């Protein structure tokens, strides 16, 4: 029995050496894999390895150029590599630019950034400093870049869609009668006022604006017979209107 015990003990050093060798190899493999993973991460996150060097801009552009888009992207504090750059950050930067309504951004291997833009479509000026699109949304962009003759709209904050809708209601009827709206305004008391391109101001008040527009159109032939320039026509009456005549001929020229 003692011999058998000794035999078992005599073999234990070899088994221990074998086990230590297996453990060392296992730890080596783990370390090597960790090193490879770390090296791969460092390689992928190095902007010099996979830089975003190509920009493709798509969409129908009237107010922006590809150079403007590139400048908007470069406003980011730091542009990452192909692997690390979050396209949402680029999208937000682009949508903060003047004239950009919507932007979508995606990456294309190995170094390309593809941008699709939808520009704002201005419908009118708003409060003399901004623009409003055809959905009644106010946006900021240099008004002089609109490049077209737009009607001026004005109103309290949050009324842009209401004022634009009123323009769409009044404008066709006035145009049919030979008049053009230069400015349409809604004041804080919710009273409507229209300036025509001929310099005449229409006071419409707070209600029945289309009925009063029709009254103005019906009265206009009689007013033209006077042969005198009109400053304003106050239509805030149940019937008829009050007319303010231009007393200084130069006054109508400067309006």
C-alpha atoms as a PDB file:
ATOM      1  CA  UNK A   1       0.000   0.000   0.000  1.00  0.00           C
ATOM      2  CA  UNK A   2       2.852   2.335   0.872  1.00  0.00           C
ATOM      3  CA  UNK A   3       4.469   1.554  -2.476  1.00  0.00           C
ATOM      4  CA  UNK A   4       1.319   2.498  -4.288  1.00  0.00           C
ATOM      5  CA  UNK A   5       1.165   5.789  -2.415  1.00  0.00           C
ATOM      6  CA  UNK A   6       4.754   6.554  -3.227  1.00  0.00           C
ATOM      7  CA  UNK A   7       4.145   5.798  -6.851  1.00  0.00           C
ATOM      8  CA  UNK A   8       1.288   8.261  -6.921  1.00  0.00           C
ATOM      9  CA  UNK A   9       3.404  10.930  -5.263  1.00  0.00           C
ATOM     10  CA  UNK A  10       6.312  10.339  -7.610  1.00  0.00           C
ATOM     11  CA  UNK A  11       4.169  11.246 -10.623  1.00  0.00           C
ATOM     12  CA  UNK A  12       2.705  14.507  -9.225  1.00  0.00           C
ATOM     13  CA  UNK A  13       5.633  16.852 -10.216  1.00  0.00           C
ATOM     14  CA  UNK A  14       5.226  15.996 -13.919  1.00  0.00           C
ATOM     15  CA  UNK A  15       1.473  16.591 -13.781  1.00  0.00           C
ATOM     16  CA  UNK A  16       1.979  19.948 -12.065  1.00  0.00           C
ATOM     17  CA  UNK A  17       4.481  21.010 -14.729  1.00  0.00           C
ATOM     18  CA  UNK A  18       2.028  20.033 -17.457  1.00  0.00           C
ATOM     19  CA  UNK A  19      -0.765  22.023 -15.811  1.00  0.00           C
ATOM     20  CA  UNK A  20       1.429  25.103 -15.412  1.00  0.00           C
ATOM     21  CA  UNK A  21       2.390  24.897 -19.081  1.00  0.00           C
ATOM     22  CA  UNK A  22      -1.241  24.739 -20.136  1.00  0.00           C
ATOM     23  CA  UNK A  23      -2.136  27.712 -17.940  1.00  0.00           C
ATOM     24  CA  UNK A  24       0.763  29.764 -19.291  1.00  0.00           C
ATOM     25  CA  UNK A  25      -0.297  29.024 -22.867  1.00  0.00           C
ATOM     26  CA  UNK A  26      -3.892  29.959 -22.049  1.00  0.00           C
ATOM     27  CA  UNK A  27      -2.793  33.251 -20.500  1.00  0.00           C
ATOM     28  CA  UNK A  28      -0.557  33.940 -23.516  1.00  0.00           C
ATOM     29  CA  UNK A  29      -3.492  33.405 -25.893  1.00  0.00           C
ATOM     30  CA  UNK A  30      -5.743  35.654 -23.816  1.00  0.00           C
ATOM     31  CA  UNK A  31      -3.082  38.377 -23.700  1.00  0.00           C
ATOM     32  CA  UNK A  32      -2.400  38.107 -27.424  1.00  0.00           C
ATOM     33  CA  UNK A  33      -6.103  38.369 -28.270  1.00  0.00           C
ATOM     34  CA  UNK A  34      -6.466  41.376 -25.943  1.00  0.00           C
ATOM     35  CA  UNK A  35      -3.471  43.019 -27.614  1.00  0.00           C
ATOM     36  CA  UNK A  36      -4.912  42.384 -31.071  1.00  0.00           C
ATOM     37  CA  UNK A  37      -8.282  43.807 -29.985  1.00  0.00           C
ATOM     38  CA  UNK A  38      -6.650  46.898 -28.483  1.00  0.00           C
ATOM     39  CA  UNK A  39      -4.511  47.407 -31.576  1.00  0.00           C
ATOM     40  CA  UNK A  40      -7.565  47.060 -33.827  1.00  0.00           C
ATOM     41  CA  UNK A  41      -9.531  49.597 -31.757  1.00  0.00           C
ATOM     42  CA  UNK A  42      -6.630  52.044 -31.824  1.00  0.00           C
ATOM     43  CA  UNK A  43      -6.267  51.600 -35.561  1.00  0.00           C
ATOM     44  CA  UNK A  44      -9.970  52.125 -36.243  1.00  0.00           C
ATOM     45  CA  UNK A  45     -10.258  55.168 -33.979  1.00  0.00           C
ATOM     46  CA  UNK A  46      -7.183  56.875 -35.383  1.00  0.00           C
ATOM     47  CA  UNK A  47      -8.494  59.660 -37.632  1.00  0.00           C
ATOM     48  CA  UNK A  48      -5.302  59.424 -39.655  1.00  0.00           C
ATOM     49  CA  UNK A  49      -6.069  55.810 -40.496  1.00  0.00           C
ATOM     50  CA  UNK A  50      -9.618  56.154 -41.867  1.00  0.00           C
ATOM     51  CA  UNK A  51     -10.239  59.880 -42.386  1.00  0.00           C
ATOM     52  CA  UNK A  52     -13.488  61.134 -43.904  1.00  0.00           C
ATOM     53  CA  UNK A  53     -11.848  62.746 -46.910  1.00  0.00           C
ATOM     54  CA  UNK A  54     -14.655  62.699 -49.508  1.00  0.00           C
ATOM     55  CA  UNK A  55     -17.932  64.654 -49.408  1.00  0.00           C
ATOM     56  CA  UNK A  56     -20.856  64.004 -51.751  1.00  0.00           C
ATOM     57  CA  UNK A  57     -23.721  66.540 -51.577  1.00  0.00           C
ATOM     58  CA  UNK A  58     -27.067  65.585 -53.078  1.00  0.00           C
ATOM     59  CA  UNK A  59     -30.349  67.452 -53.386  1.00  0.00           C
ATOM     60  CA  UNK A  60     -31.721  70.384 -55.363  1.00  0.00           C
ATOM     61  CA  UNK A  61     -29.776  73.404 -54.112  1.00  0.00           C
ATOM     62  CA  UNK A  62     -30.738  77.012 -54.869  1.00  0.00           C
ATOM     63  CA  UNK A  63     -29.291  78.913 -51.918  1.00  0.00           C
ATOM     64  CA  UNK A  64     -26.418  76.710 -50.718  1.00  0.00           C
ATOM     65  CA  UNK A  65     -23.281  75.385 -52.385  1.00  0.00           C
ATOM     66  CA  UNK A  66     -21.244  72.246 -51.594  1.00  0.00           C
ATOM     67  CA  UNK A  67     -18.673  74.617 -50.114  1.00  0.00           C
ATOM     68  CA  UNK A  68     -21.301  75.941 -47.675  1.00  0.00           C
ATOM     69  CA  UNK A  69     -22.131  72.360 -46.669  1.00  0.00           C
ATOM     70  CA  UNK A  70     -18.465  71.530 -46.103  1.00  0.00           C
ATOM     71  CA  UNK A  71     -18.066  74.664 -43.967  1.00  0.00           C
ATOM     72  CA  UNK A  72     -21.121  73.677 -41.919  1.00  0.00           C
ATOM     73  CA  UNK A  73     -19.640  70.252 -41.218  1.00  0.00           C
ATOM     74  CA  UNK A  74     -16.296  71.757 -40.263  1.00  0.00           C
ATOM     75  CA  UNK A  75     -18.046  73.765 -37.539  1.00  0.00           C
ATOM     76  CA  UNK A  76     -17.963  70.582 -35.489  1.00  0.00           C
ATOM     77  CA  UNK A  77     -15.336  70.789 -32.759  1.00  0.00           C
ATOM     78  CA  UNK A  78     -13.612  67.686 -34.091  1.00  0.00           C
ATOM     79  CA  UNK A  79     -14.430  65.499 -37.073  1.00  0.00           C
ATOM     80  CA  UNK A  80     -13.837  61.856 -36.278  1.00  0.00           C
ATOM     81  CA  UNK A  81     -12.771  58.974 -38.479  1.00  0.00           C
ATOM     82  CA  UNK A  82     -14.989  56.779 -40.609  1.00  0.00           C
ATOM     83  CA  UNK A  83     -15.475  54.394 -37.680  1.00  0.00           C
ATOM     84  CA  UNK A  84     -15.965  56.920 -34.878  1.00  0.00           C
ATOM     85  CA  UNK A  85     -17.883  59.842 -36.382  1.00  0.00           C
ATOM     86  CA  UNK A  86     -21.543  59.979 -35.334  1.00  0.00           C
ATOM     87  CA  UNK A  87     -23.614  60.985 -38.373  1.00  0.00           C
ATOM     88  CA  UNK A  88     -26.307  62.424 -36.077  1.00  0.00           C
ATOM     89  CA  UNK A  89     -23.870  65.137 -34.972  1.00  0.00           C
ATOM     90  CA  UNK A  90     -23.263  66.081 -38.601  1.00  0.00           C
ATOM     91  CA  UNK A  91     -26.993  66.077 -39.326  1.00  0.00           C
ATOM     92  CA  UNK A  92     -27.684  68.442 -36.425  1.00  0.00           C
ATOM     93  CA  UNK A  93     -24.884  70.767 -37.530  1.00  0.00           C
ATOM     94  CA  UNK A  94     -26.285  70.919 -41.060  1.00  0.00           C
ATOM     95  CA  UNK A  95     -29.878  71.493 -39.954  1.00  0.00           C
ATOM     96  CA  UNK A  96     -28.692  74.463 -37.898  1.00  0.00           C
ATOM     97  CA  UNK A  97     -27.507  76.177 -41.088  1.00  0.00           C
ATOM     98  CA  UNK A  98     -29.584  78.865 -42.827  1.00  0.00           C
ATOM     99  CA  UNK A  99     -31.712  77.531 -45.700  1.00  0.00           C
ATOM    100  CA  UNK A 100     -31.523  73.887 -44.557  1.00  0.00           C
ATOM    101  CA  UNK A 101     -34.950  72.371 -43.883  1.00  0.00           C
ATOM    102  CA  UNK A 102     -33.853  68.734 -43.520  1.00  0.00           C
ATOM    103  CA  UNK A 103     -30.607  66.816 -43.829  1.00  0.00           C
ATOM    104  CA  UNK A 104     -29.756  63.128 -43.946  1.00  0.00           C
ATOM    105  CA  UNK A 105     -26.210  61.843 -43.601  1.00  0.00           C
ATOM    106  CA  UNK A 106     -24.626  58.450 -44.149  1.00  0.00           C
ATOM    107  CA  UNK A 107     -21.118  57.041 -44.483  1.00  0.00           C
ATOM    108  CA  UNK A 108     -19.829  55.004 -47.389  1.00  0.00           C
ATOM    109  CA  UNK A 109     -16.725  52.868 -47.070  1.00  0.00           C
ATOM    110  CA  UNK A 110     -13.919  53.675 -46.878  1.00  0.00           C
ATOM    111  CA  UNK A 111     -13.764  57.490 -46.621  1.00  0.00           C
ATOM    112  CA  UNK A 112     -16.928  59.090 -48.021  1.00  0.00           C
ATOM    113  CA  UNK A 113     -19.611  61.148 -46.344  1.00  0.00           C
ATOM    114  CA  UNK A 114     -22.884  61.387 -48.294  1.00  0.00           C
ATOM    115  CA  UNK A 115     -25.239  64.264 -47.500  1.00  0.00           C
ATOM    116  CA  UNK A 116     -28.759  64.769 -48.864  1.00  0.00           C
ATOM    117  CA  UNK A 117     -30.286  68.205 -48.268  1.00  0.00           C
ATOM    118  CA  UNK A 118     -33.771  69.647 -48.595  1.00  0.00           C
ATOM    119  CA  UNK A 119     -33.683  73.443 -48.667  1.00  0.00           C
ATOM    120  CA  UNK A 120     -36.272  75.803 -47.258  1.00  0.00           C
ATOM    121  CA  UNK A 121     -38.759  77.145 -49.798  1.00  0.00           C
ATOM    122  CA  UNK A 122     -39.552  80.752 -48.792  1.00  0.00           C
ATOM    123  CA  UNK A 123     -43.139  81.904 -49.210  1.00  0.00           C
ATOM    124  CA  UNK A 124     -42.857  85.396 -47.710  1.00  0.00           C
ATOM    125  CA  UNK A 125     -40.829  87.704 -45.503  1.00  0.00           C
ATOM    126  CA  UNK A 126     -41.735  87.621 -41.826  1.00  0.00           C
ATOM    127  CA  UNK A 127     -41.638  90.642 -39.499  1.00  0.00           C
ATOM    128  CA  UNK A 128     -39.001  92.309 -41.653  1.00  0.00           C
ATOM    129  CA  UNK A 129     -36.104  90.113 -40.520  1.00  0.00           C
ATOM    130  CA  UNK A 130     -37.013  86.454 -41.059  1.00  0.00           C
ATOM    131  CA  UNK A 131     -38.646  84.273 -43.683  1.00  0.00           C
ATOM    132  CA  UNK A 132     -41.613  81.918 -43.597  1.00  0.00           C
ATOM    133  CA  UNK A 133     -41.929  78.765 -45.690  1.00  0.00           C
ATOM    134  CA  UNK A 134     -45.042  77.352 -47.368  1.00  0.00           C
ATOM    135  CA  UNK A 135     -45.909  75.377 -44.233  1.00  0.00           C
ATOM    136  CA  UNK A 136     -46.043  78.599 -42.220  1.00  0.00           C
ATOM    137  CA  UNK A 137     -42.795  77.838 -40.382  1.00  0.00           C
ATOM    138  CA  UNK A 138     -40.517  80.770 -39.611  1.00  0.00           C
ATOM    139  CA  UNK A 139     -36.832  80.294 -40.342  1.00  0.00           C
ATOM    140  CA  UNK A 140     -33.776  82.481 -40.260  1.00  0.00           C
ATOM    141  CA  UNK A 141     -31.821  83.161 -43.430  1.00  0.00           C
ATOM    142  CA  UNK A 142     -30.492  86.302 -45.096  1.00  0.00           C
ATOM    143  CA  UNK A 143     -33.656  87.789 -46.707  1.00  0.00           C
ATOM    144  CA  UNK A 144     -31.642  89.322 -49.537  1.00  0.00           C
ATOM    145  CA  UNK A 145     -30.654  85.817 -50.651  1.00  0.00           C
ATOM    146  CA  UNK A 146     -34.278  84.912 -51.389  1.00  0.00           C
ATOM    147  CA  UNK A 147     -33.689  86.313 -54.856  1.00  0.00           C
ATOM    148  CA  UNK A 148     -37.346  86.976 -55.586  1.00  0.00           C
ATOM    149  CA  UNK A 149     -40.052  89.515 -54.848  1.00  0.00           C
ATOM    150  CA  UNK A 150     -41.855  88.181 -51.781  1.00  0.00           C
ATOM    151  CA  UNK A 151     -44.825  89.562 -49.907  1.00  0.00           C
ATOM    152  CA  UNK A 152     -44.055  90.915 -46.455  1.00  0.00           C
ATOM    153  CA  UNK A 153     -46.007  89.324 -43.601  1.00  0.00           C
ATOM    154  CA  UNK A 154     -46.112  90.504 -40.007  1.00  0.00           C
ATOM    155  CA  UNK A 155     -47.776  89.340 -36.834  1.00  0.00           C
ATOM    156  CA  UNK A 156     -47.303  88.350 -33.201  1.00  0.00           C
ATOM    157  CA  UNK A 157     -45.216  85.314 -32.341  1.00  0.00           C
ATOM    158  CA  UNK A 158     -46.897  82.055 -33.258  1.00  0.00           C
ATOM    159  CA  UNK A 159     -49.228  83.522 -35.901  1.00  0.00           C
ATOM    160  CA  UNK A 160     -47.138  82.925 -39.018  1.00  0.00           C
ATOM    161  CA  UNK A 161     -49.317  80.093 -40.349  1.00  0.00           C
ATOM    162  CA  UNK A 162     -52.497  82.090 -39.692  1.00  0.00           C
ATOM    163  CA  UNK A 163     -51.162  85.147 -41.514  1.00  0.00           C
ATOM    164  CA  UNK A 164     -49.885  83.053 -44.420  1.00  0.00           C
ATOM    165  CA  UNK A 165     -53.310  81.387 -44.711  1.00  0.00           C
ATOM    166  CA  UNK A 166     -54.960  84.822 -44.778  1.00  0.00           C
ATOM    167  CA  UNK A 167     -52.592  85.862 -47.572  1.00  0.00           C
ATOM    168  CA  UNK A 168     -53.563  82.799 -49.613  1.00  0.00           C
ATOM    169  CA  UNK A 169     -57.204  83.727 -49.061  1.00  0.00           C
ATOM    170  CA  UNK A 170     -56.950  87.418 -49.987  1.00  0.00           C
ATOM    171  CA  UNK A 171     -54.295  87.445 -52.663  1.00  0.00           C
ATOM    172  CA  UNK A 172     -56.112  85.580 -55.487  1.00  0.00           C
ATOM    173  CA  UNK A 173     -59.209  87.777 -55.142  1.00  0.00           C
ATOM    174  CA  UNK A 174     -57.216  91.004 -55.169  1.00  0.00           C
ATOM    175  CA  UNK A 175     -55.056  89.829 -58.065  1.00  0.00           C
ATOM    176  CA  UNK A 176     -58.166  89.011 -60.067  1.00  0.00           C
ATOM    177  CA  UNK A 177     -59.275  92.621 -59.543  1.00  0.00           C
ATOM    178  CA  UNK A 178     -55.877  93.977 -60.613  1.00  0.00           C
ATOM    179  CA  UNK A 179     -54.293  94.604 -57.217  1.00  0.00           C
ATOM    180  CA  UNK A 180     -51.212  93.118 -55.562  1.00  0.00           C
ATOM    181  CA  UNK A 181     -50.472  92.764 -51.856  1.00  0.00           C
ATOM    182  CA  UNK A 182     -47.153  94.222 -50.749  1.00  0.00           C
ATOM    183  CA  UNK A 183     -47.570  93.635 -47.005  1.00  0.00           C
ATOM    184  CA  UNK A 184     -50.162  91.899 -44.847  1.00  0.00           C
ATOM    185  CA  UNK A 185     -50.092  92.457 -41.089  1.00  0.00           C
ATOM    186  CA  UNK A 186     -51.965  91.191 -38.051  1.00  0.00           C
ATOM    187  CA  UNK A 187     -51.482  93.365 -34.975  1.00  0.00           C
ATOM    188  CA  UNK A 188     -51.660  92.529 -31.277  1.00  0.00           C
ATOM    189  CA  UNK A 189     -55.352  93.466 -31.227  1.00  0.00           C
ATOM    190  CA  UNK A 190     -55.880  90.905 -34.042  1.00  0.00           C
ATOM    191  CA  UNK A 191     -56.831  93.581 -36.545  1.00  0.00           C
ATOM    192  CA  UNK A 192     -55.843  93.079 -40.192  1.00  0.00           C
ATOM    193  CA  UNK A 193     -54.102  95.671 -42.327  1.00  0.00           C
ATOM    194  CA  UNK A 194     -53.080  95.379 -45.984  1.00  0.00           C
ATOM    195  CA  UNK A 195     -50.650  97.517 -47.978  1.00  0.00           C
ATOM    196  CA  UNK A 196     -51.052  97.265 -51.731  1.00  0.00           C
ATOM    197  CA  UNK A 197     -48.202  97.701 -54.182  1.00  0.00           C
ATOM    198  CA  UNK A 198     -49.816 100.984 -55.345  1.00  0.00           C
ATOM    199  CA  UNK A 199     -49.224 102.410 -51.864  1.00  0.00           C
ATOM    200  CA  UNK A 200     -52.821 102.222 -50.606  1.00  0.00           C
ATOM    201  CA  UNK A 201     -53.411 100.901 -47.080  1.00  0.00           C
ATOM    202  CA  UNK A 202     -56.563  98.920 -46.335  1.00  0.00           C
ATOM    203  CA  UNK A 203     -57.858  98.837 -42.777  1.00  0.00           C
ATOM    204  CA  UNK A 204     -59.866  95.619 -42.438  1.00  0.00           C
ATOM    205  CA  UNK A 205     -60.323  95.328 -38.681  1.00  0.00           C
ATOM    206  CA  UNK A 206     -60.760  92.118 -36.712  1.00  0.00           C
ATOM    207  CA  UNK A 207     -63.604  90.385 -38.540  1.00  0.00           C
ATOM    208  CA  UNK A 208     -65.237  89.860 -41.915  1.00  0.00           C
ATOM    209  CA  UNK A 209     -61.997  90.523 -43.737  1.00  0.00           C
ATOM    210  CA  UNK A 210     -63.046  88.934 -47.026  1.00  0.00           C
ATOM    211  CA  UNK A 211     -66.361  90.804 -47.042  1.00  0.00           C
ATOM    212  CA  UNK A 212     -64.411  94.023 -46.607  1.00  0.00           C
ATOM    213  CA  UNK A 213     -62.010  93.069 -49.382  1.00  0.00           C
ATOM    214  CA  UNK A 214     -65.023  92.596 -51.658  1.00  0.00           C
ATOM    215  CA  UNK A 215     -66.345  96.007 -50.628  1.00  0.00           C
ATOM    216  CA  UNK A 216     -63.024  97.627 -51.493  1.00  0.00           C
ATOM    217  CA  UNK A 217     -63.031  95.986 -54.925  1.00  0.00           C
ATOM    218  CA  UNK A 218     -66.589  97.195 -55.533  1.00  0.00           C
ATOM    219  CA  UNK A 219     -65.702 100.763 -54.471  1.00  0.00           C
ATOM    220  CA  UNK A 220     -62.398 101.002 -56.331  1.00  0.00           C
ATOM    221  CA  UNK A 221     -63.841 102.129 -59.717  1.00  0.00           C
ATOM    222  CA  UNK A 222     -65.600 105.054 -58.045  1.00  0.00           C
ATOM    223  CA  UNK A 223     -62.466 105.998 -56.108  1.00  0.00           C
ATOM    224  CA  UNK A 224     -60.342 105.970 -59.230  1.00  0.00           C
ATOM    225  CA  UNK A 225     -62.645 108.523 -60.823  1.00  0.00           C
ATOM    226  CA  UNK A 226     -61.494 111.106 -58.293  1.00  0.00           C
ATOM    227  CA  UNK A 227     -58.077 111.094 -59.896  1.00  0.00           C
ATOM    228  CA  UNK A 228     -56.439 111.726 -56.520  1.00  0.00           C
ATOM    229  CA  UNK A 229     -53.919 109.503 -54.762  1.00  0.00           C
ATOM    230  CA  UNK A 230     -55.295 107.525 -51.837  1.00  0.00           C
ATOM    231  CA  UNK A 231     -53.384 107.040 -48.590  1.00  0.00           C
ATOM    232  CA  UNK A 232     -55.762 104.626 -46.867  1.00  0.00           C
ATOM    233  CA  UNK A 233     -59.248 103.146 -47.056  1.00  0.00           C
ATOM    234  CA  UNK A 234     -60.883 102.302 -43.736  1.00  0.00           C
ATOM    235  CA  UNK A 235     -63.351  99.477 -44.291  1.00  0.00           C
ATOM    236  CA  UNK A 236     -64.208  98.876 -40.631  1.00  0.00           C
ATOM    237  CA  UNK A 237     -67.817  99.897 -41.149  1.00  0.00           C
ATOM    238  CA  UNK A 238     -71.002  97.964 -41.761  1.00  0.00           C
ATOM    239  CA  UNK A 239     -71.393  99.739 -45.087  1.00  0.00           C
ATOM    240  CA  UNK A 240     -69.201 102.084 -47.101  1.00  0.00           C
ATOM    241  CA  UNK A 241     -65.676 103.176 -46.175  1.00  0.00           C
ATOM    242  CA  UNK A 242     -63.675 106.159 -45.011  1.00  0.00           C
ATOM    243  CA  UNK A 243     -61.029 107.344 -47.455  1.00  0.00           C
ATOM    244  CA  UNK A 244     -57.854 109.204 -46.588  1.00  0.00           C
ATOM    245  CA  UNK A 245     -56.501 111.161 -49.523  1.00  0.00           C
ATOM    246  CA  UNK A 246     -52.861 111.974 -50.058  1.00  0.00           C
ATOM    247  CA  UNK A 247     -52.473 115.716 -49.576  1.00  0.00           C
ATOM    248  CA  UNK A 248     -48.778 115.834 -50.432  1.00  0.00           C
ATOM    249  CA  UNK A 249     -48.106 114.327 -53.896  1.00  0.00           C
ATOM    250  CA  UNK A 250     -44.565 113.431 -52.835  1.00  0.00           C
ATOM    251  CA  UNK A 251     -45.960 111.392 -49.951  1.00  0.00           C
ATOM    252  CA  UNK A 252     -47.405 108.725 -52.240  1.00  0.00           C
ATOM    253  CA  UNK A 253     -44.097 108.432 -54.093  1.00  0.00           C
ATOM    254  CA  UNK A 254     -42.169 107.656 -50.925  1.00  0.00           C
ATOM    255  CA  UNK A 255     -44.490 104.939 -49.637  1.00  0.00           C
END
